[in-house]
Amino acid sequence: MLATTTTDTLGIVDSATLKKLPSSIPACLDLISTPVASAWSPDNSNLFIASSRTIYKYDSFSNIIHGVYDVEGSESIWALISKEKNVIIFSLDNHVNILQFHNSEEHTVQTLVPHKLPVTSLSLSNDNSLLASASASAVYVHNVASGSHTVLRGLGNGAPGPTSVTFHMHFRTRLLVSIARQILVYDTTRPSSPLKTIPLSDSSSGDIVALSCSPFSKTLVAVATSMGFVVMIDLEKDKPYVFFASLLIFCSTPFSSQLRTVNIKTNPTALEFSPEGGSIYVGTDDGKLLVVDLRNLDKPAKLIIVSEIGDPIRTLSIQVASDLIFASLVLISILQKRPKTNADGAKTPRSNAKIATKPSSEPLPPLRRTASSTAATGTTKSMSKTVASPVQRAGRTAVVPPVSRRLVSATTEGSAGSPLSAKTHSKKVLSPVKDPLGNMNDLPSKS
């Protein structure tokens, strides 16, 4: 579902209805105060809406909204995101608070105070382990578990400062920072400087006011500018777009970072990709929702009225129904990478995996004895009663050669044509596989 908020209303529309492009989205609730941010919970059951003084929770099943947090003092709420069903993160001036709800009560789990100016943008990594916060003078990346933080370098000096931060939904450590008319791409493991800087071309005008990552492509992002332009950009600017086979519009500029620019001829206030990535929803300052179809960019954007009186759209929030698809793909990938198991339940090491061996300080296991060396020493180890345990089998470091290569002719080392001699040599050749830990070296040998 798509949630739209205006100055004093909340509108909800499901995906099936939205695909039919209705003429309007009716308001389902009236809001007491003007919203500044909104976000669906990860399970899509609740919508959190924040004004400058209050945080509300809207239950989509009961269609009821109620306040869950009120600001005390003169501080103001600037940004809000949802981490879990009952955990939200919001900025209160230069503080970043992690709030948890339990049994109709809330309590602050953690407070982060690295900024000196109000925090205007927040974003979580795709595994919820990293939190990015931006003010007009700095961008910090926080480790949610430990509470530690790192400041990003290379943002430039002076005005204008960062306007928004967005973690890429496909990459845990890729962070996009928008500043005026450029996008800075960071790897948060190397915060000293951006990996690349992507400026907007002259085909558009105005500063970036909204940015969203495509769920369809790992490199496609869209930005909206203050002068009424929607620009589609590829983060890997020097690579051909073979992954855009279904979006034929990109074939005309295969090596340009700026794929396409659309003039919507009105001032945008918010921008989001549709869950399947085929459309872009743009909220405007005159209460309209524009639907830009990526497969028909030559056609004008479809218009849906949200506010009959022309109140600006304040926030857009999308229920990401494809989360289950992403989770299943990740699960399949993990299962495919898991080592196979043999009939005894022991894991078979992959050919390119590291196999556990003895520490380098200990001597290596003795080499396998051949039939001739066993005959020379006059000792024989029988394998009829010695069976390797599953742990020993899982730790083998060599593949046992075929039996046919290990058999030695009885006429060569024993008495010619003697069945007893051939049987004895078979026992000598088929000695037990050596344990990598050397445990079998202490077994008594049979003469």
Protein backbone atom coordinates (compact mmCIF):
# COMPACT_ATOMS: atom_id res chain seq x y z
CA MET A 1 0.00 0.00 0.00
CA LEU A 2 0.91 3.63 -0.49
CA ALA A 3 0.39 6.13 2.31
CA THR A 4 0.18 9.82 1.43
CA THR A 5 0.02 12.67 3.90
CA THR A 6 -0.89 16.27 3.25
CA THR A 7 -0.99 19.17 5.66
CA ASP A 8 -3.98 17.71 7.55
CA THR A 9 -5.03 14.39 5.94
CA LEU A 10 -3.89 10.79 5.58
CA GLY A 11 -4.69 8.77 2.46
CA ILE A 12 -4.18 5.02 1.98
CA VAL A 13 -4.43 3.18 -1.33
CA ASP A 14 -3.61 -0.47 -2.04
CA SER A 15 -1.31 -1.58 -4.85
CA ALA A 16 -4.06 -3.14 -6.97
CA THR A 17 -6.07 0.09 -6.99
CA LEU A 18 -2.98 2.18 -7.61
CA LYS A 19 -2.08 0.16 -10.70
CA LYS A 20 -5.46 1.07 -12.17
CA LEU A 21 -4.50 4.76 -11.80
CA PRO A 22 -7.55 6.12 -9.98
CA SER A 23 -8.45 9.74 -10.48
CA SER A 24 -8.05 10.52 -6.76
CA ILE A 25 -7.01 9.08 -3.41
CA PRO A 26 -9.63 9.87 -0.76
CA ALA A 27 -8.56 10.84 2.74
CA CYS A 28 -9.19 8.15 5.34
CA LEU A 29 -8.27 10.22 8.42
CA ASP A 30 -7.81 13.83 9.41
CA LEU A 31 -4.50 14.78 11.02
CA ILE A 32 -4.29 17.24 13.88
CA SER A 33 -0.82 18.56 13.05
CA THR A 34 1.29 18.83 9.90
CA PRO A 35 3.45 15.72 9.35
CA VAL A 36 7.19 15.95 8.78
CA ALA A 37 7.94 12.23 8.24
CA SER A 38 6.22 8.86 7.94
CA ALA A 39 7.33 5.23 7.71
CA TRP A 40 5.71 1.79 7.58
CA SER A 41 6.84 -0.80 10.10
CA PRO A 42 8.80 -3.70 8.54
CA ASP A 43 5.79 -6.04 8.87
CA ASN A 44 3.57 -3.42 7.18
CA SER A 45 1.05 -3.52 10.04
CA ASN A 46 1.60 0.00 11.40
CA LEU A 47 2.31 3.38 9.89
CA PHE A 48 4.25 5.84 12.04
CA ILE A 49 3.61 9.52 11.35
CA ALA A 50 5.63 12.26 13.00
CA SER A 51 4.80 15.92 13.36
CA SER A 52 7.22 18.36 14.93
CA ARG A 53 5.81 17.63 18.41
CA THR A 54 4.11 14.21 18.32
CA ILE A 55 4.59 10.72 16.91
CA TYR A 56 1.44 8.82 15.91
CA LYS A 57 0.86 5.17 15.12
CA TYR A 58 -1.78 4.25 12.56
CA ASP A 59 -3.15 0.70 12.59
CA SER A 60 -4.02 -0.27 9.02
CA PHE A 61 -6.30 -3.11 10.16
CA SER A 62 -8.49 -1.12 12.55
CA ASN A 63 -8.06 2.25 10.81
CA ILE A 64 -7.25 3.88 14.14
CA ILE A 65 -4.52 6.41 14.84
CA HIS A 66 -3.26 7.42 18.27
CA GLY A 67 -0.30 9.28 19.73
CA VAL A 68 2.61 7.25 21.09
CA TYR A 69 5.16 9.96 21.90
CA ASP A 70 4.96 13.65 22.80
CA VAL A 71 7.88 16.04 22.87
CA GLU A 72 8.60 17.73 26.16
CA GLY A 73 10.29 21.10 26.01
CA SER A 74 11.07 23.26 23.02
CA GLU A 75 12.75 20.65 20.82
CA SER A 76 11.30 19.49 17.50
CA ILE A 77 11.14 16.24 15.56
CA TRP A 78 12.84 16.40 12.15
CA ALA A 79 13.07 12.85 10.79
CA LEU A 80 11.67 9.38 11.52
CA ILE A 81 12.25 5.80 10.33
CA SER A 82 11.03 2.41 11.55
CA LYS A 83 13.49 -0.30 12.59
CA GLU A 84 11.16 -3.03 13.86
CA LYS A 85 7.46 -3.49 14.48
CA ASN A 86 7.69 -1.73 17.83
CA VAL A 87 10.99 0.15 17.43
CA ILE A 88 11.36 3.53 15.74
CA ILE A 89 14.28 5.92 15.30
CA PHE A 90 13.70 9.67 15.18
CA SER A 91 15.69 12.85 15.50
CA LEU A 92 14.91 15.41 18.16
CA ASP A 93 16.92 18.46 17.11
CA ASN A 94 20.55 17.24 17.21
CA HIS A 95 19.68 14.05 19.18
CA VAL A 96 18.91 10.70 17.57
CA ASN A 97 16.62 8.57 19.75
CA ILE A 98 15.79 4.87 19.46
CA LEU A 99 12.33 4.33 20.96
CA GLN A 100 10.75 0.98 21.81
CA PHE A 101 7.07 0.29 22.53
CA HIS A 102 6.03 -2.39 24.97
CA ASN A 103 2.56 -2.98 26.43
CA SER A 104 1.30 0.45 25.39
CA GLU A 105 4.31 2.09 27.01
CA GLU A 106 7.41 3.50 25.38
CA HIS A 107 10.95 3.93 26.59
CA THR A 108 14.10 5.27 24.99
CA VAL A 109 16.54 2.44 24.33
CA GLN A 110 19.43 4.56 23.08
CA THR A 111 20.31 8.19 22.43
CA LEU A 112 23.00 9.26 19.97
CA VAL A 113 24.35 12.81 20.23
CA PRO A 114 27.21 13.35 17.74
CA HIS A 115 25.65 16.24 15.80
CA LYS A 116 25.76 19.94 16.59
CA LEU A 117 22.87 20.93 14.28
CA PRO A 118 19.38 19.42 13.83
CA VAL A 119 19.39 16.00 12.17
CA THR A 120 17.25 16.28 9.05
CA SER A 121 17.69 12.81 7.49
CA LEU A 122 17.98 9.23 8.77
CA SER A 123 18.51 5.91 7.00
CA LEU A 124 19.04 2.26 8.03
CA SER A 125 21.14 -0.32 6.18
CA ASN A 126 19.34 -3.31 4.70
CA ASP A 127 20.18 -5.47 7.74
CA ASN A 128 19.37 -2.72 10.30
CA SER A 129 22.90 -2.85 11.70
CA LEU A 130 24.05 0.58 10.48
CA LEU A 131 22.31 3.93 10.92
CA ALA A 132 23.19 7.05 8.95
CA SER A 133 22.26 10.52 10.20
CA ALA A 134 22.75 13.82 8.42
CA SER A 135 22.67 17.44 9.50
CA ALA A 136 23.57 20.54 7.52
CA SER A 137 27.22 20.19 8.57
CA ALA A 138 28.01 16.48 8.95
CA VAL A 139 27.05 12.88 8.20
CA TYR A 140 27.62 10.13 10.77
CA VAL A 141 27.35 6.37 10.42
CA HIS A 142 26.42 4.62 13.67
CA ASN A 143 26.81 0.99 14.67
CA VAL A 144 23.41 0.32 16.24
CA ALA A 145 24.61 -2.57 18.41
CA SER A 146 27.67 -0.88 19.93
CA GLY A 147 26.58 2.75 19.73
CA SER A 148 29.88 3.78 18.12
CA HIS A 149 29.93 6.17 15.18
CA THR A 150 32.12 7.33 12.30
CA VAL A 151 32.04 10.68 10.55
CA LEU A 152 32.17 10.82 6.74
CA ARG A 153 34.94 12.90 5.20
CA GLY A 154 35.05 14.61 1.85
CA LEU A 155 31.64 16.28 2.00
CA GLY A 156 33.08 19.67 1.12
CA ASN A 157 33.36 22.78 3.24
CA GLY A 158 30.68 25.32 3.96
CA ALA A 159 27.22 25.66 2.44
CA PRO A 160 25.37 23.95 1.05
CA GLY A 161 25.55 20.97 3.36
CA PRO A 162 24.08 17.46 3.01
CA THR A 163 20.35 17.39 2.43
CA SER A 164 19.66 13.64 2.72
CA VAL A 165 21.28 10.23 3.28
CA THR A 166 20.01 6.95 1.87
CA PHE A 167 21.43 3.48 2.38
CA HIS A 168 21.26 1.39 -0.77
CA MET A 169 18.71 -1.41 -0.37
CA HIS A 170 20.93 -3.93 -2.17
CA PHE A 171 24.28 -3.17 -0.49
CA ARG A 172 24.77 -3.00 3.26
CA THR A 173 27.67 -0.50 3.30
CA ARG A 174 26.77 1.67 0.29
CA LEU A 175 25.49 5.08 1.34
CA LEU A 176 24.19 7.82 -0.97
CA VAL A 177 24.52 11.42 0.18
CA SER A 178 22.81 14.23 -1.74
CA ILE A 179 24.32 17.70 -1.64
CA ALA A 180 22.84 20.45 -3.81
CA ARG A 181 23.11 19.06 -7.39
CA GLN A 182 25.31 16.04 -6.81
CA ILE A 183 25.22 12.55 -5.32
CA LEU A 184 28.15 11.27 -3.27
CA VAL A 185 28.51 7.48 -3.18
CA TYR A 186 30.24 6.17 -0.05
CA ASP A 187 31.45 2.81 1.14
CA THR A 188 30.97 3.15 4.90
CA THR A 189 33.93 0.85 5.57
CA ARG A 190 36.13 3.57 3.98
CA PRO A 191 34.65 6.85 5.24
CA SER A 192 37.66 9.03 4.37
CA SER A 193 36.26 10.02 0.96
CA PRO A 194 33.42 9.12 -1.43
CA LEU A 195 33.92 6.34 -3.96
CA LYS A 196 32.53 8.64 -6.63
CA THR A 197 30.70 11.90 -7.11
CA ILE A 198 27.86 12.07 -9.64
CA PRO A 199 26.77 15.61 -10.62
CA LEU A 200 23.48 16.35 -12.35
CA SER A 201 23.78 17.47 -15.95
CA ASP A 202 22.46 20.66 -17.48
CA SER A 203 19.34 18.86 -18.70
CA SER A 204 17.79 19.56 -15.30
CA SER A 205 17.75 22.51 -12.94
CA GLY A 206 17.28 22.90 -9.19
CA ASP A 207 18.76 21.13 -6.18
CA ILE A 208 17.98 17.55 -5.15
CA VAL A 209 15.01 17.39 -2.77
CA ALA A 210 14.33 13.62 -2.79
CA LEU A 211 16.18 10.41 -3.71
CA SER A 212 15.09 6.78 -3.98
CA CYS A 213 16.77 3.48 -4.95
CA SER A 214 15.17 1.08 -7.39
CA PRO A 215 14.17 -2.36 -6.05
CA PHE A 216 14.49 -3.66 -9.62
CA SER A 217 18.09 -2.66 -10.35
CA LYS A 218 21.15 -2.59 -8.13
CA THR A 219 22.47 0.59 -9.73
CA LEU A 220 19.43 2.65 -10.72
CA VAL A 221 18.41 5.60 -8.53
CA ALA A 222 15.99 8.45 -9.13
CA VAL A 223 16.13 11.99 -7.80
CA ALA A 224 13.68 14.88 -7.85
CA THR A 225 14.88 18.46 -8.07
CA SER A 226 13.32 21.60 -6.67
CA MET A 227 12.62 22.98 -10.15
CA GLY A 228 10.35 20.14 -11.26
CA PHE A 229 12.65 17.51 -12.78
CA VAL A 230 12.90 13.76 -12.16
CA VAL A 231 16.31 12.38 -13.12
CA MET A 232 17.23 8.69 -13.42
CA ILE A 233 20.89 7.92 -12.76
CA ASP A 234 23.02 4.80 -12.98
CA LEU A 235 25.61 4.52 -10.23
CA GLU A 236 27.93 2.42 -12.40
CA LYS A 237 28.33 5.05 -15.09
CA ASP A 238 30.90 3.29 -17.31
CA LYS A 239 29.19 -0.07 -17.62
CA PRO A 240 26.69 -1.18 -20.28
CA TYR A 241 23.16 -1.66 -19.00
CA VAL A 242 22.54 -5.26 -19.94
CA PHE A 243 20.40 -5.63 -16.80
CA PHE A 244 17.94 -3.07 -18.16
CA ALA A 245 16.76 -5.42 -20.88
CA SER A 246 13.12 -5.02 -19.83
CA LEU A 247 13.41 -1.22 -19.70
CA LEU A 248 14.00 -0.43 -23.35
CA ILE A 249 14.22 3.27 -22.64
CA PHE A 250 17.80 2.92 -21.47
CA CYS A 251 19.18 1.47 -24.68
CA SER A 252 19.62 4.89 -26.28
CA THR A 253 22.27 6.04 -23.74
CA PRO A 254 24.21 2.90 -22.77
CA PHE A 255 27.28 4.65 -21.35
CA SER A 256 25.85 7.75 -19.66
CA SER A 257 25.41 8.02 -15.91
CA GLN A 258 22.30 10.17 -16.37
CA LEU A 259 19.85 7.88 -18.10
CA ARG A 260 16.82 10.09 -18.56
CA THR A 261 15.38 13.40 -17.37
CA VAL A 262 11.64 14.03 -17.11
CA ASN A 263 10.18 17.48 -16.62
CA ILE A 264 7.04 17.13 -14.48
CA LYS A 265 6.44 20.91 -14.66
CA THR A 266 5.60 21.24 -10.98
CA ASN A 267 7.57 21.34 -7.75
CA PRO A 268 8.11 17.88 -6.19
CA THR A 269 8.09 17.30 -2.45
CA ALA A 270 8.63 13.50 -2.20
CA LEU A 271 9.65 10.61 -4.43
CA GLU A 272 9.43 6.81 -4.13
CA PHE A 273 9.80 3.80 -6.42
CA SER A 274 6.90 1.40 -6.70
CA PRO A 275 7.51 -1.97 -4.96
CA GLU A 276 8.20 -3.77 -8.25
CA GLY A 277 10.35 -0.93 -9.58
CA GLY A 278 8.35 -0.24 -12.75
CA SER A 279 7.07 3.20 -11.74
CA ILE A 280 8.08 6.26 -9.75
CA TYR A 281 5.61 8.08 -7.49
CA VAL A 282 6.20 11.81 -7.12
CA GLY A 283 4.35 13.98 -4.61
CA THR A 284 3.93 17.64 -5.48
CA ASP A 285 3.36 20.88 -3.65
CA ASP A 286 -0.13 21.30 -5.12
CA GLY A 287 -1.58 18.06 -3.69
CA LYS A 288 -1.12 15.78 -6.69
CA LEU A 289 0.55 12.39 -7.07
CA LEU A 290 2.35 11.82 -10.37
CA VAL A 291 2.99 8.27 -11.59
CA VAL A 292 5.98 8.08 -13.95
CA ASP A 293 5.94 4.83 -15.94
CA LEU A 294 9.55 3.82 -16.64
CA ARG A 295 8.48 1.79 -19.67
CA ASN A 296 6.67 4.73 -21.28
CA LEU A 297 8.72 7.79 -20.45
CA ASP A 298 7.76 9.45 -23.69
CA LYS A 299 4.21 9.70 -22.38
CA PRO A 300 3.21 12.28 -19.75
CA ALA A 301 3.09 11.17 -16.12
CA LYS A 302 -0.32 10.05 -14.87
CA LEU A 303 -1.95 12.41 -12.39
CA ILE A 304 -3.83 11.39 -9.23
CA ILE A 305 -5.43 14.00 -6.99
CA VAL A 306 -4.66 13.61 -3.30
CA SER A 307 -5.80 16.99 -1.98
CA GLU A 308 -8.84 18.63 -3.56
CA ILE A 309 -7.89 22.01 -2.12
CA GLY A 310 -4.28 21.81 -3.27
CA ASP A 311 -2.48 21.21 0.02
CA PRO A 312 1.08 20.01 -0.62
CA ILE A 313 1.92 16.35 -0.20
CA ARG A 314 4.21 16.11 2.80
CA THR A 315 5.27 12.45 2.82
CA LEU A 316 5.04 9.25 0.76
CA SER A 317 5.48 5.80 2.31
CA ILE A 318 5.44 2.52 0.41
CA GLN A 319 4.70 -0.90 1.84
CA VAL A 320 7.47 -3.04 0.39
CA ALA A 321 5.58 -6.23 -0.35
CA SER A 322 8.67 -7.60 -2.15
CA ASP A 323 10.51 -8.00 1.17
CA LEU A 324 9.36 -11.60 1.30
CA ILE A 325 10.73 -12.15 -2.19
CA PHE A 326 14.08 -10.66 -1.25
CA ALA A 327 14.19 -12.77 1.90
CA SER A 328 13.43 -15.95 -0.03
CA LEU A 329 16.14 -15.15 -2.57
CA VAL A 330 18.64 -14.60 0.21
CA LEU A 331 17.59 -17.88 1.83
CA ILE A 332 17.97 -19.75 -1.45
CA SER A 333 21.42 -18.23 -1.93
CA ILE A 334 22.44 -19.33 1.56
CA LEU A 335 21.14 -22.84 1.03
CA GLN A 336 23.00 -23.14 -2.26
CA LYS A 337 26.24 -22.14 -0.57
CA ARG A 338 25.82 -24.58 2.33
CA PRO A 339 28.13 -27.62 2.14
CA LYS A 340 26.55 -30.85 1.09
CA THR A 341 26.16 -33.70 3.57
CA ASN A 342 26.93 -37.34 3.01
CA ALA A 343 24.83 -40.32 4.01
CA ASP A 344 26.14 -40.24 7.58
CA GLY A 345 25.16 -36.58 8.05
CA ALA A 346 28.74 -35.31 7.93
CA LYS A 347 29.39 -32.15 5.97
CA THR A 348 31.45 -32.56 2.83
CA PRO A 349 33.91 -29.68 2.51
CA ARG A 350 33.73 -27.61 -0.66
CA SER A 351 36.69 -27.88 -2.97
CA ASN A 352 37.53 -24.20 -2.54
CA ALA A 353 36.78 -24.01 1.19
CA LYS A 354 39.39 -24.01 3.91
CA ILE A 355 39.64 -27.41 5.58
CA ALA A 356 40.44 -27.56 9.27
CA THR A 357 43.92 -28.95 9.82
CA LYS A 358 46.32 -29.31 12.69
CA PRO A 359 48.16 -26.20 13.91
CA SER A 360 51.38 -25.55 12.05
CA SER A 361 53.38 -26.10 15.24
CA GLU A 362 52.50 -29.80 15.30
CA PRO A 363 54.12 -32.35 12.96
CA LEU A 364 52.18 -33.41 9.94
CA PRO A 365 50.54 -36.85 9.96
CA PRO A 366 52.80 -39.64 8.61
CA LEU A 367 52.46 -40.53 4.96
CA ARG A 368 50.21 -43.40 3.95
CA ARG A 369 52.12 -46.67 3.92
CA THR A 370 52.24 -48.57 0.70
CA ALA A 371 51.91 -52.29 0.41
CA SER A 372 55.62 -52.71 -0.23
CA SER A 373 56.67 -50.70 2.82
CA THR A 374 54.20 -52.61 4.98
CA ALA A 375 55.61 -55.89 3.76
CA ALA A 376 59.14 -54.71 4.44
CA THR A 377 58.40 -53.86 8.07
CA GLY A 378 56.38 -57.01 8.55
CA THR A 379 53.42 -55.18 10.08
CA THR A 380 49.82 -55.05 8.89
CA LYS A 381 46.94 -52.77 9.98
CA SER A 382 43.54 -54.28 9.51
CA MET A 383 40.61 -52.05 8.58
CA SER A 384 37.87 -54.57 9.12
CA LYS A 385 37.28 -53.35 12.68
CA THR A 386 38.48 -49.75 12.28
CA VAL A 387 35.78 -47.38 11.02
CA ALA A 388 36.33 -43.60 10.84
CA SER A 389 33.85 -41.53 12.84
CA PRO A 390 31.77 -38.80 11.12
CA VAL A 391 34.08 -36.17 12.61
CA GLN A 392 37.13 -37.96 11.20
CA ARG A 393 35.46 -38.31 7.82
CA ALA A 394 34.58 -34.61 7.74
CA GLY A 395 38.18 -33.67 8.50
CA ARG A 396 39.89 -35.74 5.82
CA THR A 397 42.33 -33.68 3.81
CA ALA A 398 42.84 -36.02 0.85
CA VAL A 399 40.58 -37.98 -1.44
CA VAL A 400 41.02 -41.72 -1.21
CA PRO A 401 42.19 -43.08 -4.58
CA PRO A 402 40.17 -45.79 -6.29
CA VAL A 403 40.65 -49.26 -4.89
CA SER A 404 41.85 -50.58 -8.22
CA ARG A 405 44.93 -48.35 -8.00
CA ARG A 406 45.84 -49.57 -4.55
CA LEU A 407 45.63 -53.29 -5.19
CA VAL A 408 49.00 -54.99 -5.57
CA SER A 409 49.46 -58.19 -7.47
CA ALA A 410 49.88 -61.22 -5.21
CA THR A 411 52.48 -62.73 -7.52
CA THR A 412 54.71 -59.69 -7.09
CA GLU A 413 55.05 -59.49 -3.34
CA GLY A 414 53.87 -62.84 -2.10
CA SER A 415 54.15 -66.41 -3.12
CA ALA A 416 52.92 -66.89 -6.66
CA GLY A 417 49.37 -68.14 -6.99
CA SER A 418 48.86 -68.29 -3.22
CA PRO A 419 45.31 -67.17 -2.24
CA LEU A 420 46.43 -66.63 1.32
CA SER A 421 49.20 -64.31 0.16
CA ALA A 422 46.81 -62.28 -2.00
CA LYS A 423 44.38 -61.93 0.92
CA THR A 424 47.18 -60.79 3.21
CA HIS A 425 48.34 -58.16 0.76
CA SER A 426 44.77 -56.89 0.32
CA LYS A 427 44.60 -56.20 4.03
CA LYS A 428 47.93 -54.42 3.91
CA VAL A 429 46.93 -52.22 1.00
CA LEU A 430 43.46 -51.25 2.29
CA SER A 431 44.80 -49.67 5.45
CA PRO A 432 42.51 -47.20 7.25
CA VAL A 433 42.54 -43.61 6.17
CA LYS A 434 44.80 -41.55 8.36
CA ASP A 435 43.07 -39.20 10.78
CA PRO A 436 44.26 -35.59 10.23
CA LEU A 437 44.53 -35.24 14.01
CA GLY A 438 46.87 -38.18 14.19
CA ASN A 439 44.69 -40.17 16.57
CA MET A 440 45.06 -43.41 14.63
CA ASN A 441 48.86 -43.34 14.85
CA ASP A 442 48.62 -44.60 18.42
CA LEU A 443 46.59 -47.72 17.53
CA PRO A 444 48.47 -50.97 18.17
CA SER A 445 49.57 -52.62 14.97
CA LYS A 446 49.00 -56.23 14.21
CA SER A 447 51.95 -58.26 13.14
